[in-house]
Amino acid sequence: MTEKTIKRFIAGAVCPRCAEMDKLVMFRNEQNQQVRECVRCGYSDVMNENGQAEEISTRVNQPRVGEKPLAHEDEVSVVNIMDPKKKH
């Protein structure tokens, strides 16, 4: 006799493929890996057991070879605000 796989809906979760909310279920497969699956579009992936999500490659997080950094990508420097009443 085979065990029935228990699938649980993930409240508030949004599918990465179809962007529908509350359509993802979580369950464990035969290899005891956690799987999330969209019941609307069929999207499925295996979750990392170490809890660290892999960053999906996009045009935003890729290096731009030969281009200057944008204004918001400049190096950050800390500024200490001094009390004007105190003499330094």
PDB file of N, CA and C in Angstrom:
ATOM      1  N   MET A   1       0.843  -1.176   0.000  1.00  0.00           N
ATOM      2  CA  MET A   1       0.000   0.000   0.000  1.00  0.00           C
ATOM      3  C   MET A   1       0.891   1.243   0.000  1.00  0.00           C
ATOM      4  N   THR A   2       0.563   2.230  -0.817  1.00  0.00           N
ATOM      5  CA  THR A   2       1.347   3.460  -0.869  1.00  0.00           C
ATOM      6  C   THR A   2       0.727   4.516   0.031  1.00  0.00           C
ATOM      7  N   GLU A   3       1.603   5.357   0.571  1.00  0.00           N
ATOM      8  CA  GLU A   3       1.118   6.441   1.420  1.00  0.00           C
ATOM      9  C   GLU A   3       0.609   7.581   0.552  1.00  0.00           C
ATOM     10  N   LYS A   4      -0.444   8.218   0.997  1.00  0.00           N
ATOM     11  CA  LYS A   4      -0.990   9.357   0.269  1.00  0.00           C
ATOM     12  C   LYS A   4      -0.152  10.591   0.592  1.00  0.00           C
ATOM     13  N   THR A   5       0.216  11.343  -0.440  1.00  0.00           N
ATOM     14  CA  THR A   5       0.985  12.565  -0.252  1.00  0.00           C
ATOM     15  C   THR A   5       0.066  13.662   0.257  1.00  0.00           C
ATOM     16  N   ILE A   6       0.466  14.276   1.375  1.00  0.00           N
ATOM     17  CA  ILE A   6      -0.315  15.367   1.942  1.00  0.00           C
ATOM     18  C   ILE A   6       0.176  16.672   1.331  1.00  0.00           C
ATOM     19  N   LYS A   7      -0.731  17.392   0.679  1.00  0.00           N
ATOM     20  CA  LYS A   7      -0.399  18.679   0.073  1.00  0.00           C
ATOM     21  C   LYS A   7      -1.070  19.779   0.888  1.00  0.00           C
ATOM     22  N   ARG A   8      -0.282  20.831   1.192  1.00  0.00           N
ATOM     23  CA  ARG A   8      -0.790  21.960   1.973  1.00  0.00           C
ATOM     24  C   ARG A   8      -0.700  23.226   1.125  1.00  0.00           C
ATOM     25  N   PHE A   9      -1.757  24.030   1.125  1.00  0.00           N
ATOM     26  CA  PHE A   9      -1.705  25.322   0.448  1.00  0.00           C
ATOM     27  C   PHE A   9      -0.857  26.282   1.268  1.00  0.00           C
ATOM     28  N   ILE A  10      -0.112  27.148   0.592  1.00  0.00           N
ATOM     29  CA  ILE A  10       0.730  28.146   1.242  1.00  0.00           C
ATOM     30  C   ILE A  10      -0.021  29.470   1.178  1.00  0.00           C
ATOM     31  N   ALA A  11      -0.518  29.931   2.320  1.00  0.00           N
ATOM     32  CA  ALA A  11      -1.321  31.151   2.366  1.00  0.00           C
ATOM     33  C   ALA A  11      -0.500  32.368   1.961  1.00  0.00           C
ATOM     34  N   GLY A  12      -1.033  33.139   1.037  1.00  0.00           N
ATOM     35  CA  GLY A  12      -0.399  34.386   0.615  1.00  0.00           C
ATOM     36  C   GLY A  12       0.731  34.239  -0.375  1.00  0.00           C
ATOM     37  N   ALA A  13       1.091  33.016  -0.729  1.00  0.00           N
ATOM     38  CA  ALA A  13       2.202  32.799  -1.665  1.00  0.00           C
ATOM     39  C   ALA A  13       1.755  33.109  -3.091  1.00  0.00           C
ATOM     40  N   VAL A  14       2.691  33.668  -3.876  1.00  0.00           N
ATOM     41  CA  VAL A  14       2.420  34.034  -5.266  1.00  0.00           C
ATOM     42  C   VAL A  14       3.262  33.148  -6.176  1.00  0.00           C
ATOM     43  N   CYS A  15       2.649  32.588  -7.190  1.00  0.00           N
ATOM     44  CA  CYS A  15       3.353  31.723  -8.140  1.00  0.00           C
ATOM     45  C   CYS A  15       4.352  32.549  -8.947  1.00  0.00           C
ATOM     46  N   PRO A  16       5.618  32.094  -9.047  1.00  0.00           N
ATOM     47  CA  PRO A  16       6.614  32.829  -9.823  1.00  0.00           C
ATOM     48  C   PRO A  16       6.318  32.862 -11.319  1.00  0.00           C
ATOM     49  N   ARG A  17       5.559  31.907 -11.822  1.00  0.00           N
ATOM     50  CA  ARG A  17       5.279  31.856 -13.260  1.00  0.00           C
ATOM     51  C   ARG A  17       4.012  32.621 -13.630  1.00  0.00           C
ATOM     52  N   CYS A  18       2.879  32.296 -13.012  1.00  0.00           N
ATOM     53  CA  CYS A  18       1.606  32.902 -13.425  1.00  0.00           C
ATOM     54  C   CYS A  18       1.172  34.067 -12.536  1.00  0.00           C
ATOM     55  N   ALA A  19       1.879  34.312 -11.442  1.00  0.00           N
ATOM     56  CA  ALA A  19       1.636  35.431 -10.519  1.00  0.00           C
ATOM     57  C   ALA A  19       0.286  35.357  -9.811  1.00  0.00           C
ATOM     58  N   GLU A  20      -0.324  34.180  -9.760  1.00  0.00           N
ATOM     59  CA  GLU A  20      -1.577  34.004  -9.029  1.00  0.00           C
ATOM     60  C   GLU A  20      -1.275  33.787  -7.549  1.00  0.00           C
ATOM     61  N   MET A  21      -2.079  34.417  -6.691  1.00  0.00           N
ATOM     62  CA  MET A  21      -1.901  34.261  -5.253  1.00  0.00           C
ATOM     63  C   MET A  21      -2.755  33.104  -4.741  1.00  0.00           C
ATOM     64  N   ASP A  22      -2.252  32.431  -3.715  1.00  0.00           N
ATOM     65  CA  ASP A  22      -2.952  31.329  -3.041  1.00  0.00           C
ATOM     66  C   ASP A  22      -3.231  30.140  -3.952  1.00  0.00           C
ATOM     67  N   LYS A  23      -2.333  29.860  -4.885  1.00  0.00           N
ATOM     68  CA  LYS A  23      -2.470  28.698  -5.767  1.00  0.00           C
ATOM     69  C   LYS A  23      -1.321  27.706  -5.580  1.00  0.00           C
ATOM     70  N   LEU A  24      -0.388  27.993  -4.650  1.00  0.00           N
ATOM     71  CA  LEU A  24       0.762  27.109  -4.441  1.00  0.00           C
ATOM     72  C   LEU A  24       0.487  26.116  -3.328  1.00  0.00           C
ATOM     73  N   VAL A  25       0.885  24.865  -3.575  1.00  0.00           N
ATOM     74  CA  VAL A  25       0.815  23.826  -2.550  1.00  0.00           C
ATOM     75  C   VAL A  25       2.228  23.348  -2.250  1.00  0.00           C
ATOM     76  N   MET A  26       2.428  22.837  -1.046  1.00  0.00           N
ATOM     77  CA  MET A  26       3.717  22.312  -0.614  1.00  0.00           C
ATOM     78  C   MET A  26       3.508  20.855  -0.214  1.00  0.00           C
ATOM     79  N   PHE A  27       4.446  20.004  -0.632  1.00  0.00           N
ATOM     80  CA  PHE A  27       4.389  18.592  -0.252  1.00  0.00           C
ATOM     81  C   PHE A  27       5.782  17.997  -0.345  1.00  0.00           C
ATOM     82  N   ARG A  28       5.953  16.778   0.154  1.00  0.00           N
ATOM     83  CA  ARG A  28       7.223  16.056   0.057  1.00  0.00           C
ATOM     84  C   ARG A  28       7.081  14.965  -0.993  1.00  0.00           C
ATOM     85  N   ASN A  29       8.097  14.863  -1.877  1.00  0.00           N
ATOM     86  CA  ASN A  29       8.068  13.845  -2.930  1.00  0.00           C
ATOM     87  C   ASN A  29       8.652  12.526  -2.417  1.00  0.00           C
ATOM     88  N   GLU A  30       8.830  11.558  -3.325  1.00  0.00           N
ATOM     89  CA  GLU A  30       9.328  10.230  -2.951  1.00  0.00           C
ATOM     90  C   GLU A  30      10.743  10.275  -2.376  1.00  0.00           C
ATOM     91  N   GLN A  31      11.532  11.282  -2.772  1.00  0.00           N
ATOM     92  CA  GLN A  31      12.905  11.434  -2.260  1.00  0.00           C
ATOM     93  C   GLN A  31      12.935  12.275  -0.984  1.00  0.00           C
ATOM     94  N   ASN A  32      11.768  12.553  -0.418  1.00  0.00           N
ATOM     95  CA  ASN A  32      11.607  13.328   0.812  1.00  0.00           C
ATOM     96  C   ASN A  32      12.085  14.776   0.647  1.00  0.00           C
ATOM     97  N   GLN A  33      12.018  15.304  -0.571  1.00  0.00           N
ATOM     98  CA  GLN A  33      12.356  16.702  -0.823  1.00  0.00           C
ATOM     99  C   GLN A  33      11.077  17.533  -0.786  1.00  0.00           C
ATOM    100  N   GLN A  34      11.186  18.765  -0.269  1.00  0.00           N
ATOM    101  CA  GLN A  34      10.027  19.652  -0.263  1.00  0.00           C
ATOM    102  C   GLN A  34       9.820  20.216  -1.664  1.00  0.00           C
ATOM    103  N   VAL A  35       8.597  20.098  -2.141  1.00  0.00           N
ATOM    104  CA  VAL A  35       8.247  20.562  -3.480  1.00  0.00           C
ATOM    105  C   VAL A  35       7.124  21.579  -3.351  1.00  0.00           C
ATOM    106  N   ARG A  36       7.222  22.682  -4.108  1.00  0.00           N
ATOM    107  CA  ARG A  36       6.094  23.606  -4.203  1.00  0.00           C
ATOM    108  C   ARG A  36       5.583  23.531  -5.632  1.00  0.00           C
ATOM    109  N   GLU A  37       4.270  23.587  -5.759  1.00  0.00           N
ATOM    110  CA  GLU A  37       3.641  23.398  -7.065  1.00  0.00           C
ATOM    111  C   GLU A  37       2.421  24.300  -7.182  1.00  0.00           C
ATOM    112  N   CYS A  38       2.252  24.901  -8.354  1.00  0.00           N
ATOM    113  CA  CYS A  38       1.089  25.749  -8.613  1.00  0.00           C
ATOM    114  C   CYS A  38      -0.029  24.883  -9.183  1.00  0.00           C
ATOM    115  N   VAL A  39      -1.200  24.950  -8.563  1.00  0.00           N
ATOM    116  CA  VAL A  39      -2.330  24.152  -9.040  1.00  0.00           C
ATOM    117  C   VAL A  39      -2.995  24.792 -10.255  1.00  0.00           C
ATOM    118  N   ARG A  40      -2.654  26.047 -10.568  1.00  0.00           N
ATOM    119  CA  ARG A  40      -3.244  26.727 -11.726  1.00  0.00           C
ATOM    120  C   ARG A  40      -2.451  26.459 -12.998  1.00  0.00           C
ATOM    121  N   CYS A  41      -1.119  26.726 -12.957  1.00  0.00           N
ATOM    122  CA  CYS A  41      -0.330  26.634 -14.193  1.00  0.00           C
ATOM    123  C   CYS A  41       0.596  25.421 -14.236  1.00  0.00           C
ATOM    124  N   GLY A  42       0.740  24.698 -13.121  1.00  0.00           N
ATOM    125  CA  GLY A  42       1.579  23.510 -13.113  1.00  0.00           C
ATOM    126  C   GLY A  42       3.037  23.758 -12.774  1.00  0.00           C
ATOM    127  N   TYR A  43       3.413  25.023 -12.489  1.00  0.00           N
ATOM    128  CA  TYR A  43       4.797  25.328 -12.110  1.00  0.00           C
ATOM    129  C   TYR A  43       5.180  24.476 -10.904  1.00  0.00           C
ATOM    130  N   SER A  44       6.409  23.964 -10.904  1.00  0.00           N
ATOM    131  CA  SER A  44       6.866  23.123  -9.804  1.00  0.00           C
ATOM    132  C   SER A  44       8.360  23.302  -9.621  1.00  0.00           C
ATOM    133  N   ASP A  45       8.809  23.333  -8.371  1.00  0.00           N
ATOM    134  CA  ASP A  45      10.241  23.329  -8.097  1.00  0.00           C
ATOM    135  C   ASP A  45      10.507  22.694  -6.745  1.00  0.00           C
ATOM    136  N   VAL A  46      11.738  22.215  -6.578  1.00  0.00           N
ATOM    137  CA  VAL A  46      12.167  21.576  -5.339  1.00  0.00           C
ATOM    138  C   VAL A  46      12.847  22.634  -4.490  1.00  0.00           C
ATOM    139  N   MET A  47      12.463  22.718  -3.224  1.00  0.00           N
ATOM    140  CA  MET A  47      13.016  23.722  -2.315  1.00  0.00           C
ATOM    141  C   MET A  47      14.376  23.258  -1.797  1.00  0.00           C
ATOM    142  N   ASN A  48      15.290  24.211  -1.603  1.00  0.00           N
ATOM    143  CA  ASN A  48      16.585  23.916  -0.996  1.00  0.00           C
ATOM    144  C   ASN A  48      16.386  23.576   0.473  1.00  0.00           C
ATOM    145  N   GLU A  49      17.020  22.532   0.935  1.00  0.00           N
ATOM    146  CA  GLU A  49      16.896  22.140   2.336  1.00  0.00           C
ATOM    147  C   GLU A  49      17.649  23.086   3.269  1.00  0.00           C
ATOM    148  N   ASN A  50      18.687  23.770   2.758  1.00  0.00           N
ATOM    149  CA  ASN A  50      19.453  24.668   3.622  1.00  0.00           C
ATOM    150  C   ASN A  50      18.756  26.008   3.816  1.00  0.00           C
ATOM    151  N   GLY A  51      17.623  26.231   3.157  1.00  0.00           N
ATOM    152  CA  GLY A  51      16.843  27.436   3.372  1.00  0.00           C
ATOM    153  C   GLY A  51      17.297  28.637   2.566  1.00  0.00           C
ATOM    154  N   GLN A  52      18.391  28.534   1.845  1.00  0.00           N
ATOM    155  CA  GLN A  52      18.898  29.644   1.046  1.00  0.00           C
ATOM    156  C   GLN A  52      18.305  29.555  -0.353  1.00  0.00           C
ATOM    157  N   ALA A  53      17.504  30.529  -0.716  1.00  0.00           N
ATOM    158  CA  ALA A  53      16.890  30.532  -2.041  1.00  0.00           C
ATOM    159  C   ALA A  53      17.908  30.960  -3.085  1.00  0.00           C
ATOM    160  N   GLU A  54      17.841  30.323  -4.242  1.00  0.00           N
ATOM    161  CA  GLU A  54      18.723  30.700  -5.336  1.00  0.00           C
ATOM    162  C   GLU A  54      18.149  31.928  -6.027  1.00  0.00           C
ATOM    163  N   GLU A  55      19.014  32.900  -6.302  1.00  0.00           N
ATOM    164  CA  GLU A  55      18.566  34.107  -6.974  1.00  0.00           C
ATOM    165  C   GLU A  55      18.381  33.815  -8.460  1.00  0.00           C
ATOM    166  N   ILE A  56      17.225  34.166  -8.967  1.00  0.00           N
ATOM    167  CA  ILE A  56      16.935  33.959 -10.378  1.00  0.00           C
ATOM    168  C   ILE A  56      17.684  35.011 -11.181  1.00  0.00           C
ATOM    169  N   SER A  57      18.317  34.580 -12.256  1.00  0.00           N
ATOM    170  CA  SER A  57      19.088  35.485 -13.094  1.00  0.00           C
ATOM    171  C   SER A  57      18.152  36.410 -13.863  1.00  0.00           C
ATOM    172  N   THR A  58      18.344  37.716 -13.682  1.00  0.00           N
ATOM    173  CA  THR A  58      17.551  38.720 -14.387  1.00  0.00           C
ATOM    174  C   THR A  58      18.479  39.775 -14.971  1.00  0.00           C
ATOM    175  N   ARG A  59      17.947  40.656 -15.790  1.00  0.00           N
ATOM    176  CA  ARG A  59      18.774  41.716 -16.363  1.00  0.00           C
ATOM    177  C   ARG A  59      19.223  42.700 -15.293  1.00  0.00           C
ATOM    178  N   VAL A  60      18.498  42.777 -14.193  1.00  0.00           N
ATOM    179  CA  VAL A  60      18.824  43.726 -13.137  1.00  0.00           C
ATOM    180  C   VAL A  60      20.022  43.266 -12.313  1.00  0.00           C
ATOM    181  N   ASN A  61      20.154  41.972 -12.058  1.00  0.00           N
ATOM    182  CA  ASN A  61      21.228  41.504 -11.186  1.00  0.00           C
ATOM    183  C   ASN A  61      22.443  40.984 -11.947  1.00  0.00           C
ATOM    184  N   GLN A  62      22.525  41.263 -13.242  1.00  0.00           N
ATOM    185  CA  GLN A  62      23.672  40.833 -14.038  1.00  0.00           C
ATOM    186  C   GLN A  62      24.648  41.991 -14.218  1.00  0.00           C
ATOM    187  N   PRO A  63      25.947  41.705 -14.242  1.00  0.00           N
ATOM    188  CA  PRO A  63      26.923  42.784 -14.463  1.00  0.00           C
ATOM    189  C   PRO A  63      26.785  43.351 -15.874  1.00  0.00           C
ATOM    190  N   ARG A  64      26.986  44.639 -15.976  1.00  0.00           N
ATOM    191  CA  ARG A  64      26.921  45.316 -17.273  1.00  0.00           C
ATOM    192  C   ARG A  64      28.352  45.615 -17.704  1.00  0.00           C
ATOM    193  N   VAL A  65      28.880  44.791 -18.553  1.00  0.00           N
ATOM    194  CA  VAL A  65      30.265  44.907 -18.995  1.00  0.00           C
ATOM    195  C   VAL A  65      30.434  46.168 -19.834  1.00  0.00           C
ATOM    196  N   GLY A  66      31.428  46.984 -19.467  1.00  0.00           N
ATOM    197  CA  GLY A  66      31.751  48.171 -20.240  1.00  0.00           C
ATOM    198  C   GLY A  66      30.897  49.381 -19.935  1.00  0.00           C
ATOM    199  N   GLU A  67      29.935  49.268 -19.043  1.00  0.00           N
ATOM    200  CA  GLU A  67      29.081  50.404 -18.701  1.00  0.00           C
ATOM    201  C   GLU A  67      29.475  50.973 -17.350  1.00  0.00           C
ATOM    202  N   LYS A  68      29.275  52.271 -17.183  1.00  0.00           N
ATOM    203  CA  LYS A  68      29.541  52.914 -15.901  1.00  0.00           C
ATOM    204  C   LYS A  68      28.415  52.570 -14.932  1.00  0.00           C
ATOM    205  N   PRO A  69      28.720  52.537 -13.623  1.00  0.00           N
ATOM    206  CA  PRO A  69      27.656  52.281 -12.646  1.00  0.00           C
ATOM    207  C   PRO A  69      26.609  53.394 -12.673  1.00  0.00           C
ATOM    208  N   LEU A  70      25.386  53.040 -12.389  1.00  0.00           N
ATOM    209  CA  LEU A  70      24.319  54.027 -12.301  1.00  0.00           C
ATOM    210  C   LEU A  70      24.466  54.830 -11.016  1.00  0.00           C
ATOM    211  N   ALA A  71      23.753  55.949 -10.915  1.00  0.00           N
ATOM    212  CA  ALA A  71      23.887  56.843  -9.759  1.00  0.00           C
ATOM    213  C   ALA A  71      23.578  56.128  -8.446  1.00  0.00           C
ATOM    214  N   HIS A  72      22.566  55.286  -8.429  1.00  0.00           N
ATOM    215  CA  HIS A  72      22.205  54.602  -7.188  1.00  0.00           C
ATOM    216  C   HIS A  72      23.159  53.446  -6.867  1.00  0.00           C
ATOM    217  N   GLU A  73      24.079  53.121  -7.758  1.00  0.00           N
ATOM    218  CA  GLU A  73      25.027  52.037  -7.527  1.00  0.00           C
ATOM    219  C   GLU A  73      26.390  52.546  -7.067  1.00  0.00           C
ATOM    220  N   ASP A  74      26.521  53.860  -6.870  1.00  0.00           N
ATOM    221  CA  ASP A  74      27.790  54.421  -6.417  1.00  0.00           C
ATOM    222  C   ASP A  74      28.156  53.864  -5.052  1.00  0.00           C
ATOM    223  N   GLU A  75      29.435  53.960  -4.750  1.00  0.00           N
ATOM    224  CA  GLU A  75      29.927  53.492  -3.462  1.00  0.00           C
ATOM    225  C   GLU A  75      29.309  54.331  -2.346  1.00  0.00           C
ATOM    226  N   VAL A  76      28.908  53.689  -1.283  1.00  0.00           N
ATOM    227  CA  VAL A  76      28.258  54.360  -0.163  1.00  0.00           C
ATOM    228  C   VAL A  76      29.312  54.786   0.843  1.00  0.00           C
ATOM    229  N   SER A  77      29.189  56.008   1.351  1.00  0.00           N
ATOM    230  CA  SER A  77      30.083  56.467   2.415  1.00  0.00           C
ATOM    231  C   SER A  77      29.231  56.964   3.576  1.00  0.00           C
ATOM    232  N   VAL A  78      29.709  56.719   4.788  1.00  0.00           N
ATOM    233  CA  VAL A  78      28.984  57.081   5.993  1.00  0.00           C
ATOM    234  C   VAL A  78      29.304  58.524   6.353  1.00  0.00           C
ATOM    235  N   VAL A  79      28.279  59.286   6.722  1.00  0.00           N
ATOM    236  CA  VAL A  79      28.450  60.675   7.141  1.00  0.00           C
ATOM    237  C   VAL A  79      28.018  60.772   8.591  1.00  0.00           C
ATOM    238  N   ASN A  80      28.898  61.293   9.440  1.00  0.00           N
ATOM    239  CA  ASN A  80      28.561  61.506  10.844  1.00  0.00           C
ATOM    240  C   ASN A  80      28.054  62.928  11.009  1.00  0.00           C
ATOM    241  N   ILE A  81      26.852  63.077  11.532  1.00  0.00           N
ATOM    242  CA  ILE A  81      26.284  64.397  11.760  1.00  0.00           C
ATOM    243  C   ILE A  81      26.705  64.837  13.152  1.00  0.00           C
ATOM    244  N   MET A  82      27.302  66.014  13.217  1.00  0.00           N
ATOM    245  CA  MET A  82      27.826  66.519  14.485  1.00  0.00           C
ATOM    246  C   MET A  82      26.814  67.468  15.109  1.00  0.00           C
ATOM    247  N   ASP A  83      26.787  67.484  16.418  1.00  0.00           N
ATOM    248  CA  ASP A  83      25.906  68.376  17.155  1.00  0.00           C
ATOM    249  C   ASP A  83      26.461  69.796  17.053  1.00  0.00           C
ATOM    250  N   PRO A  84      25.706  70.761  16.494  1.00  0.00           N
ATOM    251  CA  PRO A  84      26.231  72.118  16.325  1.00  0.00           C
ATOM    252  C   PRO A  84      26.437  72.849  17.648  1.00  0.00           C
ATOM    253  N   LYS A  85      25.792  72.391  18.716  1.00  0.00           N
ATOM    254  CA  LYS A  85      25.933  73.050  20.016  1.00  0.00           C
ATOM    255  C   LYS A  85      27.245  72.689  20.692  1.00  0.00           C
ATOM    256  N   LYS A  86      27.792  71.550  20.360  1.00  0.00           N
ATOM    257  CA  LYS A  86      29.052  71.109  20.965  1.00  0.00           C
ATOM    258  C   LYS A  86      30.209  71.703  20.195  1.00  0.00           C
ATOM    259  N   LYS A  87      31.239  72.122  20.920  1.00  0.00           N
ATOM    260  CA  LYS A  87      32.459  72.626  20.291  1.00  0.00           C
ATOM    261  C   LYS A  87      33.416  71.461  20.123  1.00  0.00           C
ATOM    262  N   HIS A  88      33.899  71.286  18.948  1.00  0.00           N
ATOM    263  CA  HIS A  88      34.799  70.158  18.675  1.00  0.00           C
ATOM    264  C   HIS A  88      36.180  70.629  18.438  1.00  0.00           C
TER     265      HIS A  88
END
